[in-house]
Amino acid sequence: MKSRILLLLFILTCNFLFSQKQEKKGNSTLDPSQVPAAPTRAFTEQNPGISATWRADGENFRANYIDPTSKLGRIIIYDKEGKVVRRENEVDQEGKVNPENKPEKSKTKK
C-alpha cells in the first residue's frame, strides 16, 4: 500500500513537472543580428546609446531595456517595419509613470 501511494505521488509529480513549460515558443531572447534592421534602427534612433534585449513577440519584436534616467524598465514592441505597436513602462514605487522622464508640473491653484 505504501509503495502504491509513493508511486502515485511520483507519477503526479512527474506529470506536473513535465506540464510546466519554462520557455514559450517565440518568446526566447534573440541575438540583435536576428532582429530585422527596421526595428533595431527605429529603437536606436529613439534611444541613442541604450542597448536592449530583444525577444520575438509573435510576428513583432520586443525591446526590453532600463531607462538610465529613471532606472525603470521599459518595453517597446515593434512590427517588422519598425513601427511602434505598443509601449510598456514600469511604474515607480509611488505609482507614477513618467515615460518621457519630464518633471511633472505642479498642480497648484493661483
Protein backbone atom coordinates (compact mmCIF):
# COMPACT_ATOMS: atom_id res chain seq x y z
CA MET A 1 0.00 0.00 0.00
CA LYS A 2 2.80 2.37 0.94
CA SER A 3 4.62 1.70 -2.33
CA ARG A 4 1.45 2.40 -4.35
CA ILE A 5 0.99 5.76 -2.67
CA LEU A 6 4.62 6.65 -3.33
CA LEU A 7 4.30 5.54 -6.94
CA LEU A 8 1.16 7.62 -7.39
CA LEU A 9 2.86 10.63 -5.79
CA PHE A 10 5.87 10.17 -8.08
CA ILE A 11 3.66 9.98 -11.19
CA LEU A 12 1.70 13.07 -10.21
CA THR A 13 4.90 14.99 -9.52
CA CYS A 14 6.40 13.99 -12.88
CA ASN A 15 3.18 14.91 -14.66
CA PHE A 16 3.18 18.33 -13.01
CA LEU A 17 6.84 18.98 -13.83
CA PHE A 18 6.53 17.95 -17.47
CA SER A 19 3.40 20.01 -17.95
CA GLN A 20 5.25 23.18 -16.94
CA LYS A 21 6.81 24.75 -20.00
CA GLN A 22 9.59 27.13 -18.99
CA GLU A 23 10.10 28.82 -22.33
CA LYS A 24 7.22 29.72 -24.61
CA LYS A 25 7.66 29.32 -28.32
CA GLY A 26 8.71 32.57 -29.94
CA ASN A 27 9.50 34.29 -26.64
CA SER A 28 13.20 33.45 -26.35
CA THR A 29 15.93 36.07 -26.31
CA LEU A 30 17.16 36.97 -29.77
CA ASP A 31 20.62 37.96 -30.82
CA PRO A 32 20.46 41.51 -32.26
CA SER A 33 21.55 40.09 -35.62
CA GLN A 34 18.33 38.03 -35.68
CA VAL A 35 16.14 41.16 -35.47
CA PRO A 36 15.28 42.89 -38.76
CA ALA A 37 17.09 46.15 -39.47
CA ALA A 38 13.97 48.36 -39.31
CA PRO A 39 13.09 47.67 -35.64
CA THR A 40 16.70 47.97 -34.46
CA ARG A 41 17.18 51.18 -36.43
CA ALA A 42 13.95 52.66 -35.01
CA PHE A 43 14.99 51.74 -31.47
CA THR A 44 18.49 53.20 -31.89
CA GLU A 45 17.09 56.45 -33.31
CA GLN A 46 14.62 56.82 -30.42
CA ASN A 47 17.06 55.69 -27.71
CA PRO A 48 20.64 56.52 -28.70
CA GLY A 49 23.33 54.87 -26.61
CA ILE A 50 20.94 52.38 -24.96
CA SER A 51 21.19 48.66 -25.57
CA ALA A 52 18.14 46.44 -25.43
CA THR A 53 17.38 42.77 -25.00
CA TRP A 54 15.33 41.61 -27.96
CA ARG A 55 12.62 38.95 -27.95
CA ALA A 56 10.24 37.67 -30.59
CA ASP A 57 6.63 38.51 -29.75
CA GLY A 58 4.62 36.62 -32.36
CA GLU A 59 5.36 38.46 -35.61
CA ASN A 60 6.60 41.51 -33.68
CA PHE A 61 9.84 42.27 -31.85
CA ARG A 62 10.08 43.34 -28.22
CA ALA A 63 12.92 45.57 -26.97
CA ASN A 64 13.43 45.41 -23.19
CA TYR A 65 15.72 47.98 -21.61
CA ILE A 66 16.34 50.01 -18.47
CA ASP A 67 15.89 53.76 -18.80
CA PRO A 68 19.17 55.24 -17.48
CA THR A 69 17.46 58.40 -16.24
CA SER A 70 14.65 56.87 -14.19
CA LYS A 71 16.22 53.41 -13.65
CA LEU A 72 12.84 51.89 -14.57
CA GLY A 73 12.20 49.12 -17.08
CA ARG A 74 10.77 49.97 -20.47
CA ILE A 75 9.44 47.80 -23.28
CA ILE A 76 8.78 48.85 -26.85
CA ILE A 77 7.17 46.43 -29.28
CA TYR A 78 7.89 46.99 -32.97
CA ASP A 79 6.45 45.38 -36.06
CA LYS A 80 8.84 44.13 -38.76
CA GLU A 81 8.74 47.54 -40.50
CA GLY A 82 9.96 49.30 -37.34
CA LYS A 83 6.64 50.90 -36.37
CA VAL A 84 5.82 51.04 -32.68
CA VAL A 85 2.97 48.69 -31.84
CA ARG A 86 2.94 49.22 -28.08
CA ARG A 87 4.94 50.70 -25.22
CA GLU A 88 5.07 49.48 -21.64
CA ASN A 89 6.55 51.42 -18.75
CA GLU A 90 7.44 50.18 -15.30
CA VAL A 91 5.72 52.12 -12.53
CA ASP A 92 7.85 53.60 -9.75
CA GLN A 93 7.24 52.93 -6.04
CA GLU A 94 4.94 55.91 -5.78
CA GLY A 95 2.74 54.55 -8.57
CA LYS A 96 3.73 57.21 -11.07
CA VAL A 97 4.64 56.65 -14.69
CA ASN A 98 6.66 59.36 -16.40
CA PRO A 99 7.54 57.82 -19.79
CA GLU A 100 9.26 60.89 -21.21
CA ASN A 101 11.21 61.48 -17.97
CA LYS A 102 9.99 65.05 -17.84
CA PRO A 103 9.49 66.70 -14.47
CA GLU A 104 5.83 66.75 -13.56
CA LYS A 105 4.17 70.14 -13.35
CA SER A 106 2.78 71.12 -10.01
CA LYS A 107 -0.97 71.38 -9.82
CA THR A 108 -1.41 74.39 -7.57
CA LYS A 109 -4.25 76.85 -7.93
CA LYS A 110 -3.47 80.52 -8.24
